[in-house]
Amino acid sequence: MQPQQGCIKNSDLLFKIAKDGYQKASQGHVIHRQNDAIVAIVFSALALEAFINELLVIAKREKLSGSSEDWLDKLIEAIEEPKY
């Protein structure tokens, strides 16, 4: 029996923070623009990493549910970290 595996989807929240930082940086006061731009850059990277990790979990769940699509195998192989 497989243990239950959960998935927390947080890429959308991280992306919203990045987008808010971008909007504040483009409209805000000169003093705060640099900080807001840094927030936008850092949270954009975090959102992308979270999305890739979520995509891997979704692909693995789809594969376990019985899907025999070849592209799922290729996607899983491309995202998983190499095992040495």
PDB file of N, CA and C in Angstrom:
ATOM      1  N   MET A   1       0.843  -1.181   0.000  1.00  0.00           N
ATOM      2  CA  MET A   1       0.000   0.000   0.000  1.00  0.00           C
ATOM      3  C   MET A   1       0.884   1.238   0.000  1.00  0.00           C
ATOM      4  N   GLN A   2       0.571   2.157  -0.880  1.00  0.00           N
ATOM      5  CA  GLN A   2       1.342   3.397  -0.998  1.00  0.00           C
ATOM      6  C   GLN A   2       0.937   4.374   0.103  1.00  0.00           C
ATOM      7  N   PRO A   3       1.935   5.043   0.743  1.00  0.00           N
ATOM      8  CA  PRO A   3       1.567   6.076   1.714  1.00  0.00           C
ATOM      9  C   PRO A   3       0.936   7.267   0.996  1.00  0.00           C
ATOM     10  N   GLN A   4       0.007   7.909   1.664  1.00  0.00           N
ATOM     11  CA  GLN A   4      -0.647   9.078   1.089  1.00  0.00           C
ATOM     12  C   GLN A   4       0.355  10.223   0.992  1.00  0.00           C
ATOM     13  N   GLN A   5       0.338  10.888  -0.121  1.00  0.00           N
ATOM     14  CA  GLN A   5       1.258  11.996  -0.341  1.00  0.00           C
ATOM     15  C   GLN A   5       0.441  13.251  -0.587  1.00  0.00           C
ATOM     16  N   GLY A   6       0.749  14.306   0.155  1.00  0.00           N
ATOM     17  CA  GLY A   6       0.024  15.560  -0.013  1.00  0.00           C
ATOM     18  C   GLY A   6       0.797  16.514  -0.894  1.00  0.00           C
ATOM     19  N   CYS A   7       0.128  17.527  -1.314  1.00  0.00           N
ATOM     20  CA  CYS A   7       0.745  18.535  -2.169  1.00  0.00           C
ATOM     21  C   CYS A   7       0.195  19.901  -1.775  1.00  0.00           C
ATOM     22  N   ILE A   8       1.073  20.790  -1.418  1.00  0.00           N
ATOM     23  CA  ILE A   8       0.666  22.147  -1.099  1.00  0.00           C
ATOM     24  C   ILE A   8       0.944  22.999  -2.319  1.00  0.00           C
ATOM     25  N   LYS A   9      -0.071  23.596  -2.850  1.00  0.00           N
ATOM     26  CA  LYS A   9       0.090  24.424  -4.038  1.00  0.00           C
ATOM     27  C   LYS A   9       0.286  25.865  -3.591  1.00  0.00           C
ATOM     28  N   ASN A  10       1.513  26.319  -3.664  1.00  0.00           N
ATOM     29  CA  ASN A  10       1.795  27.672  -3.221  1.00  0.00           C
ATOM     30  C   ASN A  10       2.422  28.530  -4.299  1.00  0.00           C
ATOM     31  N   SER A  11       2.563  28.038  -5.506  1.00  0.00           N
ATOM     32  CA  SER A  11       3.186  28.839  -6.555  1.00  0.00           C
ATOM     33  C   SER A  11       2.329  30.048  -6.899  1.00  0.00           C
ATOM     34  N   ASP A  12       1.005  29.891  -6.821  1.00  0.00           N
ATOM     35  CA  ASP A  12       0.150  31.034  -7.140  1.00  0.00           C
ATOM     36  C   ASP A  12       0.275  32.143  -6.103  1.00  0.00           C
ATOM     37  N   LEU A  13       0.408  31.792  -4.831  1.00  0.00           N
ATOM     38  CA  LEU A  13       0.597  32.800  -3.784  1.00  0.00           C
ATOM     39  C   LEU A  13       1.935  33.515  -3.958  1.00  0.00           C
ATOM     40  N   LEU A  14       2.982  32.765  -4.237  1.00  0.00           N
ATOM     41  CA  LEU A  14       4.300  33.369  -4.444  1.00  0.00           C
ATOM     42  C   LEU A  14       4.297  34.269  -5.672  1.00  0.00           C
ATOM     43  N   PHE A  15       3.589  33.855  -6.718  1.00  0.00           N
ATOM     44  CA  PHE A  15       3.499  34.678  -7.915  1.00  0.00           C
ATOM     45  C   PHE A  15       2.753  35.979  -7.634  1.00  0.00           C
ATOM     46  N   LYS A  16       1.691  35.911  -6.833  1.00  0.00           N
ATOM     47  CA  LYS A  16       0.952  37.126  -6.481  1.00  0.00           C
ATOM     48  C   LYS A  16       1.830  38.110  -5.706  1.00  0.00           C
ATOM     49  N   ILE A  17       2.659  37.597  -4.804  1.00  0.00           N
ATOM     50  CA  ILE A  17       3.583  38.463  -4.061  1.00  0.00           C
ATOM     51  C   ILE A  17       4.568  39.111  -5.019  1.00  0.00           C
ATOM     52  N   ALA A  18       5.090  38.336  -5.973  1.00  0.00           N
ATOM     53  CA  ALA A  18       6.026  38.881  -6.960  1.00  0.00           C
ATOM     54  C   ALA A  18       5.367  39.954  -7.809  1.00  0.00           C
ATOM     55  N   LYS A  19       4.131  39.696  -8.222  1.00  0.00           N
ATOM     56  CA  LYS A  19       3.408  40.659  -9.051  1.00  0.00           C
ATOM     57  C   LYS A  19       3.116  41.945  -8.282  1.00  0.00           C
ATOM     58  N   ASP A  20       2.755  41.807  -7.005  1.00  0.00           N
ATOM     59  CA  ASP A  20       2.520  42.994  -6.179  1.00  0.00           C
ATOM     60  C   ASP A  20       3.804  43.803  -6.005  1.00  0.00           C
ATOM     61  N   GLY A  21       4.919  43.102  -5.811  1.00  0.00           N
ATOM     62  CA  GLY A  21       6.207  43.793  -5.700  1.00  0.00           C
ATOM     63  C   GLY A  21       6.550  44.554  -6.962  1.00  0.00           C
ATOM     64  N   TYR A  22       6.271  43.953  -8.107  1.00  0.00           N
ATOM     65  CA  TYR A  22       6.525  44.618  -9.385  1.00  0.00           C
ATOM     66  C   TYR A  22       5.666  45.864  -9.532  1.00  0.00           C
ATOM     67  N   GLN A  23       4.382  45.737  -9.206  1.00  0.00           N
ATOM     68  CA  GLN A  23       3.476  46.875  -9.336  1.00  0.00           C
ATOM     69  C   GLN A  23       3.872  48.008  -8.402  1.00  0.00           C
ATOM     70  N   LYS A  24       4.268  47.667  -7.178  1.00  0.00           N
ATOM     71  CA  LYS A  24       4.710  48.695  -6.233  1.00  0.00           C
ATOM     72  C   LYS A  24       5.999  49.353  -6.707  1.00  0.00           C
ATOM     73  N   ALA A  25       6.898  48.558  -7.274  1.00  0.00           N
ATOM     74  CA  ALA A  25       8.166  49.117  -7.745  1.00  0.00           C
ATOM     75  C   ALA A  25       7.955  50.070  -8.910  1.00  0.00           C
ATOM     76  N   SER A  26       6.964  49.805  -9.731  1.00  0.00           N
ATOM     77  CA  SER A  26       6.737  50.666 -10.890  1.00  0.00           C
ATOM     78  C   SER A  26       5.916  51.903 -10.548  1.00  0.00           C
ATOM     79  N   GLN A  27       5.262  51.900  -9.384  1.00  0.00           N
ATOM     80  CA  GLN A  27       4.420  53.031  -9.027  1.00  0.00           C
ATOM     81  C   GLN A  27       4.845  53.735  -7.744  1.00  0.00           C
ATOM     82  N   GLY A  28       5.665  53.086  -6.943  1.00  0.00           N
ATOM     83  CA  GLY A  28       5.951  53.569  -5.600  1.00  0.00           C
ATOM     84  C   GLY A  28       6.913  54.737  -5.544  1.00  0.00           C
ATOM     85  N   HIS A  29       7.204  55.108  -4.329  1.00  0.00           N
ATOM     86  CA  HIS A  29       8.164  56.167  -4.068  1.00  0.00           C
ATOM     87  C   HIS A  29       9.571  55.685  -4.407  1.00  0.00           C
ATOM     88  N   VAL A  30      10.434  56.611  -4.703  1.00  0.00           N
ATOM     89  CA  VAL A  30      11.793  56.277  -5.121  1.00  0.00           C
ATOM     90  C   VAL A  30      12.516  55.459  -4.055  1.00  0.00           C
ATOM     91  N   ILE A  31      12.288  55.771  -2.801  1.00  0.00           N
ATOM     92  CA  ILE A  31      12.984  55.092  -1.705  1.00  0.00           C
ATOM     93  C   ILE A  31      12.614  53.605  -1.656  1.00  0.00           C
ATOM     94  N   HIS A  32      11.373  53.278  -1.929  1.00  0.00           N
ATOM     95  CA  HIS A  32      10.902  51.897  -1.792  1.00  0.00           C
ATOM     96  C   HIS A  32      11.009  51.088  -3.080  1.00  0.00           C
ATOM     97  N   ARG A  33      11.277  51.722  -4.198  1.00  0.00           N
ATOM     98  CA  ARG A  33      11.293  51.005  -5.480  1.00  0.00           C
ATOM     99  C   ARG A  33      12.308  49.876  -5.508  1.00  0.00           C
ATOM    100  N   GLN A  34      13.502  50.128  -4.977  1.00  0.00           N
ATOM    101  CA  GLN A  34      14.545  49.107  -5.022  1.00  0.00           C
ATOM    102  C   GLN A  34      14.142  47.884  -4.195  1.00  0.00           C
ATOM    103  N   ASN A  35      13.609  48.105  -3.021  1.00  0.00           N
ATOM    104  CA  ASN A  35      13.177  46.979  -2.183  1.00  0.00           C
ATOM    105  C   ASN A  35      12.044  46.196  -2.838  1.00  0.00           C
ATOM    106  N   ASP A  36      11.086  46.913  -3.420  1.00  0.00           N
ATOM    107  CA  ASP A  36       9.974  46.234  -4.082  1.00  0.00           C
ATOM    108  C   ASP A  36      10.445  45.463  -5.310  1.00  0.00           C
ATOM    109  N   ALA A  37      11.426  45.992  -6.020  1.00  0.00           N
ATOM    110  CA  ALA A  37      11.974  45.282  -7.181  1.00  0.00           C
ATOM    111  C   ALA A  37      12.675  43.998  -6.744  1.00  0.00           C
ATOM    112  N   ILE A  38      13.387  44.049  -5.636  1.00  0.00           N
ATOM    113  CA  ILE A  38      14.055  42.846  -5.113  1.00  0.00           C
ATOM    114  C   ILE A  38      13.012  41.805  -4.720  1.00  0.00           C
ATOM    115  N   VAL A  39      11.932  42.247  -4.082  1.00  0.00           N
ATOM    116  CA  VAL A  39      10.839  41.334  -3.718  1.00  0.00           C
ATOM    117  C   VAL A  39      10.283  40.680  -4.971  1.00  0.00           C
ATOM    118  N   ALA A  40      10.065  41.464  -6.018  1.00  0.00           N
ATOM    119  CA  ALA A  40       9.514  40.920  -7.265  1.00  0.00           C
ATOM    120  C   ALA A  40      10.440  39.875  -7.870  1.00  0.00           C
ATOM    121  N   ILE A  41      11.741  40.139  -7.885  1.00  0.00           N
ATOM    122  CA  ILE A  41      12.704  39.202  -8.474  1.00  0.00           C
ATOM    123  C   ILE A  41      12.795  37.914  -7.666  1.00  0.00           C
ATOM    124  N   VAL A  42      12.948  38.050  -6.359  1.00  0.00           N
ATOM    125  CA  VAL A  42      13.121  36.866  -5.501  1.00  0.00           C
ATOM    126  C   VAL A  42      11.865  35.994  -5.523  1.00  0.00           C
ATOM    127  N   PHE A  43      10.695  36.617  -5.412  1.00  0.00           N
ATOM    128  CA  PHE A  43       9.470  35.822  -5.368  1.00  0.00           C
ATOM    129  C   PHE A  43       9.103  35.259  -6.737  1.00  0.00           C
ATOM    130  N   SER A  44       9.570  35.885  -7.808  1.00  0.00           N
ATOM    131  CA  SER A  44       9.378  35.287  -9.137  1.00  0.00           C
ATOM    132  C   SER A  44      10.151  33.978  -9.238  1.00  0.00           C
ATOM    133  N   ALA A  45      11.384  33.980  -8.744  1.00  0.00           N
ATOM    134  CA  ALA A  45      12.196  32.760  -8.760  1.00  0.00           C
ATOM    135  C   ALA A  45      11.573  31.689  -7.868  1.00  0.00           C
ATOM    136  N   LEU A  46      11.094  32.084  -6.698  1.00  0.00           N
ATOM    137  CA  LEU A  46      10.457  31.123  -5.794  1.00  0.00           C
ATOM    138  C   LEU A  46       9.187  30.538  -6.411  1.00  0.00           C
ATOM    139  N   ALA A  47       8.407  31.387  -7.074  1.00  0.00           N
ATOM    140  CA  ALA A  47       7.176  30.917  -7.711  1.00  0.00           C
ATOM    141  C   ALA A  47       7.481  29.914  -8.820  1.00  0.00           C
ATOM    142  N   LEU A  48       8.513  30.187  -9.600  1.00  0.00           N
ATOM    143  CA  LEU A  48       8.880  29.259 -10.674  1.00  0.00           C
ATOM    144  C   LEU A  48       9.332  27.919 -10.110  1.00  0.00           C
ATOM    145  N   GLU A  49      10.148  27.943  -9.070  1.00  0.00           N
ATOM    146  CA  GLU A  49      10.595  26.688  -8.450  1.00  0.00           C
ATOM    147  C   GLU A  49       9.410  25.917  -7.879  1.00  0.00           C
ATOM    148  N   ALA A  50       8.501  26.605  -7.202  1.00  0.00           N
ATOM    149  CA  ALA A  50       7.333  25.943  -6.627  1.00  0.00           C
ATOM    150  C   ALA A  50       6.458  25.343  -7.721  1.00  0.00           C
ATOM    151  N   PHE A  51       6.289  26.065  -8.816  1.00  0.00           N
ATOM    152  CA  PHE A  51       5.483  25.549  -9.923  1.00  0.00           C
ATOM    153  C   PHE A  51       6.090  24.283 -10.511  1.00  0.00           C
ATOM    154  N   ILE A  52       7.404  24.272 -10.692  1.00  0.00           N
ATOM    155  CA  ILE A  52       8.074  23.080 -11.236  1.00  0.00           C
ATOM    156  C   ILE A  52       7.905  21.896 -10.289  1.00  0.00           C
ATOM    157  N   ASN A  53       8.059  22.138  -8.989  1.00  0.00           N
ATOM    158  CA  ASN A  53       7.884  21.055  -8.015  1.00  0.00           C
ATOM    159  C   ASN A  53       6.443  20.546  -8.011  1.00  0.00           C
ATOM    160  N   GLU A  54       5.475  21.467  -8.110  1.00  0.00           N
ATOM    161  CA  GLU A  54       4.073  21.058  -8.153  1.00  0.00           C
ATOM    162  C   GLU A  54       3.775  20.276  -9.425  1.00  0.00           C
ATOM    163  N   LEU A  55       4.351  20.694 -10.528  1.00  0.00           N
ATOM    164  CA  LEU A  55       4.145  20.011 -11.798  1.00  0.00           C
ATOM    165  C   LEU A  55       4.649  18.565 -11.728  1.00  0.00           C
ATOM    166  N   LEU A  56       5.766  18.357 -11.066  1.00  0.00           N
ATOM    167  CA  LEU A  56       6.310  17.007 -10.898  1.00  0.00           C
ATOM    168  C   LEU A  56       5.340  16.137 -10.098  1.00  0.00           C
ATOM    169  N   VAL A  57       4.802  16.666  -9.021  1.00  0.00           N
ATOM    170  CA  VAL A  57       3.854  15.898  -8.198  1.00  0.00           C
ATOM    171  C   VAL A  57       2.597  15.570  -8.998  1.00  0.00           C
ATOM    172  N   ILE A  58       2.105  16.541  -9.741  1.00  0.00           N
ATOM    173  CA  ILE A  58       0.904  16.310 -10.556  1.00  0.00           C
ATOM    174  C   ILE A  58       1.171  15.245 -11.615  1.00  0.00           C
ATOM    175  N   ALA A  59       2.333  15.296 -12.261  1.00  0.00           N
ATOM    176  CA  ALA A  59       2.681  14.307 -13.283  1.00  0.00           C
ATOM    177  C   ALA A  59       2.797  12.911 -12.675  1.00  0.00           C
ATOM    178  N   LYS A  60       3.407  12.817 -11.494  1.00  0.00           N
ATOM    179  CA  LYS A  60       3.545  11.506 -10.840  1.00  0.00           C
ATOM    180  C   LYS A  60       2.184  10.948 -10.431  1.00  0.00           C
ATOM    181  N   ARG A  61       1.296  11.812  -9.932  1.00  0.00           N
ATOM    182  CA  ARG A  61      -0.051  11.345  -9.578  1.00  0.00           C
ATOM    183  C   ARG A  61      -0.795  10.841 -10.804  1.00  0.00           C
ATOM    184  N   GLU A  62      -0.670  11.566 -11.893  1.00  0.00           N
ATOM    185  CA  GLU A  62      -1.332  11.164 -13.136  1.00  0.00           C
ATOM    186  C   GLU A  62      -0.793   9.816 -13.608  1.00  0.00           C
ATOM    187  N   LYS A  63       0.507   9.629 -13.482  1.00  0.00           N
ATOM    188  CA  LYS A  63       1.132   8.362 -13.890  1.00  0.00           C
ATOM    189  C   LYS A  63       0.636   7.218 -13.002  1.00  0.00           C
ATOM    190  N   LEU A  64       0.543   7.469 -11.688  1.00  0.00           N
ATOM    191  CA  LEU A  64       0.075   6.436 -10.765  1.00  0.00           C
ATOM    192  C   LEU A  64      -1.402   6.097 -10.980  1.00  0.00           C
ATOM    193  N   SER A  65      -2.158   7.030 -11.524  1.00  0.00           N
ATOM    194  CA  SER A  65      -3.579   6.776 -11.744  1.00  0.00           C
ATOM    195  C   SER A  65      -3.824   5.884 -12.960  1.00  0.00           C
ATOM    196  N   GLY A  66      -2.733   5.552 -13.685  1.00  0.00           N
ATOM    197  CA  GLY A  66      -2.881   4.609 -14.781  1.00  0.00           C
ATOM    198  C   GLY A  66      -2.640   5.188 -16.157  1.00  0.00           C
ATOM    199  N   SER A  67      -2.280   6.430 -16.236  1.00  0.00           N
ATOM    200  CA  SER A  67      -2.027   7.027 -17.543  1.00  0.00           C
ATOM    201  C   SER A  67      -0.764   6.428 -18.151  1.00  0.00           C
ATOM    202  N   SER A  68      -0.829   6.121 -19.423  1.00  0.00           N
ATOM    203  CA  SER A  68       0.326   5.521 -20.097  1.00  0.00           C
ATOM    204  C   SER A  68       0.906   6.463 -21.148  1.00  0.00           C
ATOM    205  N   GLU A  69       0.727   7.738 -20.953  1.00  0.00           N
ATOM    206  CA  GLU A  69       1.238   8.724 -21.902  1.00  0.00           C
ATOM    207  C   GLU A  69       2.762   8.774 -21.840  1.00  0.00           C
ATOM    208  N   ASP A  70       3.400   8.732 -22.998  1.00  0.00           N
ATOM    209  CA  ASP A  70       4.858   8.785 -23.056  1.00  0.00           C
ATOM    210  C   ASP A  70       5.403  10.128 -22.591  1.00  0.00           C
ATOM    211  N   TRP A  71       4.663  11.206 -22.865  1.00  0.00           N
ATOM    212  CA  TRP A  71       5.167  12.521 -22.488  1.00  0.00           C
ATOM    213  C   TRP A  71       5.240  12.692 -20.985  1.00  0.00           C
ATOM    214  N   LEU A  72       4.405  11.944 -20.224  1.00  0.00           N
ATOM    215  CA  LEU A  72       4.480  12.009 -18.765  1.00  0.00           C
ATOM    216  C   LEU A  72       5.809  11.454 -18.273  1.00  0.00           C
ATOM    217  N   ASP A  73       6.235  10.340 -18.856  1.00  0.00           N
ATOM    218  CA  ASP A  73       7.531   9.774 -18.470  1.00  0.00           C
ATOM    219  C   ASP A  73       8.663  10.751 -18.766  1.00  0.00           C
ATOM    220  N   LYS A  74       8.608  11.370 -19.923  1.00  0.00           N
ATOM    221  CA  LYS A  74       9.646  12.330 -20.298  1.00  0.00           C
ATOM    222  C   LYS A  74       9.632  13.551 -19.383  1.00  0.00           C
ATOM    223  N   LEU A  75       8.444  14.016 -19.027  1.00  0.00           N
ATOM    224  CA  LEU A  75       8.329  15.161 -18.127  1.00  0.00           C
ATOM    225  C   LEU A  75       8.882  14.831 -16.749  1.00  0.00           C
ATOM    226  N   ILE A  76       8.521  13.672 -16.227  1.00  0.00           N
ATOM    227  CA  ILE A  76       9.001  13.255 -14.913  1.00  0.00           C
ATOM    228  C   ILE A  76      10.516  13.122 -14.927  1.00  0.00           C
ATOM    229  N   GLU A  77      11.068  12.509 -15.955  1.00  0.00           N
ATOM    230  CA  GLU A  77      12.522  12.365 -16.058  1.00  0.00           C
ATOM    231  C   GLU A  77      13.212  13.716 -16.156  1.00  0.00           C
ATOM    232  N   ALA A  78      12.613  14.653 -16.865  1.00  0.00           N
ATOM    233  CA  ALA A  78      13.233  15.965 -17.054  1.00  0.00           C
ATOM    234  C   ALA A  78      13.241  16.785 -15.770  1.00  0.00           C
ATOM    235  N   ILE A  79      12.221  16.628 -14.945  1.00  0.00           N
ATOM    236  CA  ILE A  79      12.120  17.442 -13.744  1.00  0.00           C
ATOM    237  C   ILE A  79      12.836  16.829 -12.543  1.00  0.00           C
ATOM    238  N   GLU A  80      12.786  15.501 -12.421  1.00  0.00           N
ATOM    239  CA  GLU A  80      13.405  14.860 -11.264  1.00  0.00           C
ATOM    240  C   GLU A  80      14.887  15.139 -11.217  1.00  0.00           C
ATOM    241  N   GLU A  81      15.380  15.250 -10.009  1.00  0.00           N
ATOM    242  CA  GLU A  81      16.816  15.442  -9.822  1.00  0.00           C
ATOM    243  C   GLU A  81      17.530  14.129 -10.123  1.00  0.00           C
ATOM    244  N   PRO A  82      18.703  14.219 -10.719  1.00  0.00           N
ATOM    245  CA  PRO A  82      19.442  12.982 -11.012  1.00  0.00           C
ATOM    246  C   PRO A  82      19.810  12.245  -9.718  1.00  0.00           C
ATOM    247  N   LYS A  83      19.709  10.933  -9.794  1.00  0.00           N
ATOM    248  CA  LYS A  83      20.050  10.106  -8.624  1.00  0.00           C
ATOM    249  C   LYS A  83      21.421   9.486  -8.891  1.00  0.00           C
ATOM    250  N   TYR A  84      22.365   9.875  -8.090  1.00  0.00           N
ATOM    251  CA  TYR A  84      23.729   9.373  -8.262  1.00  0.00           C
ATOM    252  C   TYR A  84      23.999   8.213  -7.349  1.00  0.00           C
TER     253      TYR A  84
END
